Amino acid sequence: MLSEFENVERSFGAEKAADLRKAQHFLLRRQFVFAGDPRTGTVYNTIMDGRFRDVVDGFFDSCGYRVHRDPEAQWAGIVAMDEDVPLPRMKLDETIVMLVLAAYWQQEVNVGAVEDRAVVVATLNDLFDRYREMAQHGGDALQRLERYVRSEEARFPQPAGDEA
């Protein structure tokens, strides 16, 4: 892989080689990049640039990842090729934040409160209120989960006893 980086530097310059290293580091850390994020334009453009495709794909292949690019949806990301790759695990608080963000986003999409590219604008207070609503004892989210589980039990009964 070092020779490929040297070739990029020789052919396209030190600045493009630095952009390539930055883009690969970004994907290793964050897994996905979206063109709509104004802070990651260089990373996205570098990953999508056909001149660097073989180098990017080869690098991540050697690390056990496959690169996925979707120019229409304007994102790119890496996914582990098999279960042997030690993937980072989210902490509990990070998982809760992601679930709250997803629930809030879906709620806003359902009422049509989205901007271009399905962007939903939220304040910290909006998200905190959604978290409180989801976490309160006997809250709507818990009741919906319970209804869902019961409906699934009715649709797909599980055998009891030794057969389970």
Protein backbone atom coordinates (compact mmCIF):
# COMPACT_ATOMS: atom_id res chain seq x y z
CA MET A 1 0.00 0.00 0.00
CA LEU A 2 2.88 2.38 0.58
CA SER A 3 3.83 2.34 -3.08
CA GLU A 4 0.27 3.28 -4.05
CA PHE A 5 0.40 6.30 -1.74
CA GLU A 6 3.76 7.28 -3.18
CA ASN A 7 2.29 7.02 -6.69
CA VAL A 8 -0.63 9.26 -5.70
CA GLU A 9 1.78 11.82 -4.25
CA ARG A 10 4.00 11.69 -7.32
CA SER A 11 1.11 11.84 -9.82
CA PHE A 12 -1.29 14.23 -8.10
CA GLY A 13 0.83 16.10 -5.56
CA ALA A 14 1.37 16.14 -1.82
CA GLU A 15 -1.90 17.95 -1.17
CA LYS A 16 -4.02 15.24 -2.84
CA ALA A 17 -2.03 12.53 -1.03
CA ALA A 18 -2.75 14.30 2.27
CA ASP A 19 -6.45 14.52 1.34
CA LEU A 20 -6.43 10.78 0.61
CA ARG A 21 -4.90 9.94 4.00
CA LYS A 22 -7.37 12.26 5.72
CA ALA A 23 -10.31 10.64 3.91
CA GLN A 24 -9.21 7.13 4.82
CA HIS A 25 -8.63 8.10 8.44
CA PHE A 26 -12.09 9.68 8.52
CA LEU A 27 -13.78 6.52 7.22
CA LEU A 28 -11.86 4.30 9.63
CA ARG A 29 -13.09 6.46 12.49
CA ARG A 30 -16.65 7.29 11.37
CA GLN A 31 -17.50 4.55 8.81
CA PHE A 32 -19.67 6.83 6.62
CA VAL A 33 -19.42 10.23 4.95
CA PHE A 34 -22.30 12.26 3.50
CA ALA A 35 -21.92 14.99 0.87
CA GLY A 36 -24.51 17.14 2.62
CA ASP A 37 -22.26 17.68 5.64
CA PRO A 38 -20.36 20.91 4.88
CA ARG A 39 -17.39 19.88 7.04
CA THR A 40 -16.64 16.71 5.08
CA GLY A 41 -16.71 17.87 1.47
CA THR A 42 -13.03 17.10 0.84
CA VAL A 43 -13.36 13.65 2.40
CA TYR A 44 -16.45 12.81 0.33
CA ASN A 45 -14.95 14.12 -2.92
CA THR A 46 -11.70 12.20 -2.36
CA ILE A 47 -13.49 8.90 -1.67
CA MET A 48 -15.70 9.39 -4.74
CA ASP A 49 -12.86 10.51 -7.05
CA GLY A 50 -12.30 7.81 -9.67
CA ARG A 51 -8.55 8.51 -9.74
CA PHE A 52 -8.23 7.21 -6.18
CA ARG A 53 -10.84 4.43 -6.29
CA ASP A 54 -8.37 1.53 -6.57
CA VAL A 55 -6.14 2.92 -3.81
CA VAL A 56 -9.09 3.52 -1.47
CA ASP A 57 -10.65 0.12 -2.19
CA GLY A 58 -7.30 -1.66 -1.86
CA PHE A 59 -6.51 0.02 1.44
CA PHE A 60 -9.84 -0.86 3.02
CA ASP A 61 -9.76 -4.36 1.54
CA SER A 62 -6.43 -4.93 3.28
CA CYS A 63 -8.08 -3.79 6.53
CA GLY A 64 -11.04 -6.17 6.09
CA TYR A 65 -13.62 -3.64 4.86
CA ARG A 66 -15.57 -3.16 1.66
CA VAL A 67 -16.20 0.38 0.39
CA HIS A 68 -19.76 1.21 -0.66
CA ARG A 69 -20.43 4.33 -2.72
CA ASP A 70 -23.85 5.72 -3.60
CA PRO A 71 -23.43 8.80 -5.81
CA GLU A 72 -27.19 9.28 -6.15
CA ALA A 73 -27.75 9.40 -2.38
CA GLN A 74 -24.39 11.17 -2.02
CA TRP A 75 -22.78 9.00 0.62
CA ALA A 76 -19.92 6.55 0.91
CA GLY A 77 -19.00 4.16 3.69
CA ILE A 78 -17.16 1.07 4.76
CA VAL A 79 -18.61 -2.20 6.01
CA ALA A 80 -16.70 -5.12 7.51
CA MET A 81 -16.39 -8.04 5.09
CA ASP A 82 -16.72 -10.65 7.81
CA GLU A 83 -17.26 -11.00 11.51
CA ASP A 84 -13.54 -11.33 12.27
CA VAL A 85 -12.97 -7.57 12.02
CA PRO A 86 -12.98 -6.09 15.54
CA LEU A 87 -15.57 -3.34 15.21
CA PRO A 88 -15.84 -0.51 17.71
CA ARG A 89 -18.82 -0.75 20.01
CA MET A 90 -20.96 2.19 20.96
CA LYS A 91 -21.28 2.99 24.62
CA LEU A 92 -24.73 2.89 26.20
CA ASP A 93 -25.09 6.68 26.26
CA GLU A 94 -24.11 6.90 22.57
CA THR A 95 -26.67 4.22 21.71
CA ILE A 96 -29.40 6.10 23.57
CA VAL A 97 -28.53 9.32 21.75
CA MET A 98 -28.70 7.52 18.39
CA LEU A 99 -32.08 6.00 19.25
CA VAL A 100 -33.47 9.39 20.31
CA LEU A 101 -32.14 11.02 17.14
CA ALA A 102 -33.66 8.29 14.98
CA ALA A 103 -37.02 8.51 16.76
CA TYR A 104 -37.11 12.30 16.49
CA TRP A 105 -36.12 12.20 12.81
CA GLN A 106 -38.80 9.60 12.01
CA GLN A 107 -41.42 11.61 13.91
CA GLU A 108 -40.59 14.75 11.88
CA VAL A 109 -40.54 12.82 8.59
CA ASN A 110 -43.98 11.41 9.39
CA VAL A 111 -45.41 14.93 9.66
CA GLY A 112 -43.47 16.24 6.64
CA ALA A 113 -41.16 18.57 8.60
CA VAL A 114 -38.06 17.85 6.52
CA GLU A 115 -35.78 19.99 4.41
CA ASP A 116 -33.75 19.04 1.34
CA ARG A 117 -32.08 15.63 1.51
CA ALA A 118 -34.37 14.58 4.39
CA VAL A 119 -32.60 16.91 6.82
CA VAL A 120 -34.50 17.55 10.03
CA VAL A 121 -33.58 20.58 12.11
CA ALA A 122 -33.76 20.04 15.87
CA THR A 123 -32.73 21.90 18.98
CA LEU A 124 -31.22 20.30 22.03
CA ASN A 125 -34.47 21.03 23.86
CA ASP A 126 -36.47 19.18 21.17
CA LEU A 127 -34.25 16.13 21.53
CA PHE A 128 -34.27 16.25 25.32
CA ASP A 129 -38.08 16.44 25.31
CA ARG A 130 -38.19 13.42 22.98
CA TYR A 131 -35.80 11.54 25.28
CA ARG A 132 -37.95 12.34 28.34
CA GLU A 133 -41.05 11.21 26.48
CA MET A 134 -39.39 7.93 25.51
CA ALA A 135 -37.86 7.26 28.92
CA GLN A 136 -40.74 8.14 31.23
CA HIS A 137 -42.24 5.21 33.11
CA GLY A 138 -45.30 3.98 31.28
CA GLY A 139 -44.59 6.36 28.42
CA ASP A 140 -46.00 6.11 24.94
CA ALA A 141 -42.85 4.47 23.56
CA LEU A 142 -43.00 1.67 26.12
CA GLN A 143 -46.69 1.09 25.46
CA ARG A 144 -46.10 0.95 21.71
CA LEU A 145 -43.26 -1.54 22.21
CA GLU A 146 -45.47 -3.70 24.40
CA ARG A 147 -48.29 -3.60 21.80
CA TYR A 148 -45.82 -4.54 19.08
CA VAL A 149 -44.43 -7.49 21.05
CA ARG A 150 -47.93 -8.74 21.81
CA SER A 151 -48.96 -8.46 18.14
CA GLU A 152 -45.86 -10.40 17.09
CA GLU A 153 -46.59 -13.06 19.72
CA ALA A 154 -50.10 -13.39 18.30
CA ARG A 155 -48.81 -13.67 14.72
CA PHE A 156 -45.92 -16.02 15.51
CA PRO A 157 -46.68 -18.07 18.64
CA GLN A 158 -43.65 -19.74 20.18
CA PRO A 159 -43.90 -23.30 21.51
CA ALA A 160 -43.58 -23.55 25.27
CA GLY A 161 -41.56 -25.94 27.38
CA ASP A 162 -38.82 -28.21 26.04
CA GLU A 163 -39.74 -27.53 22.42
CA ALA A 164 -38.67 -23.88 22.59
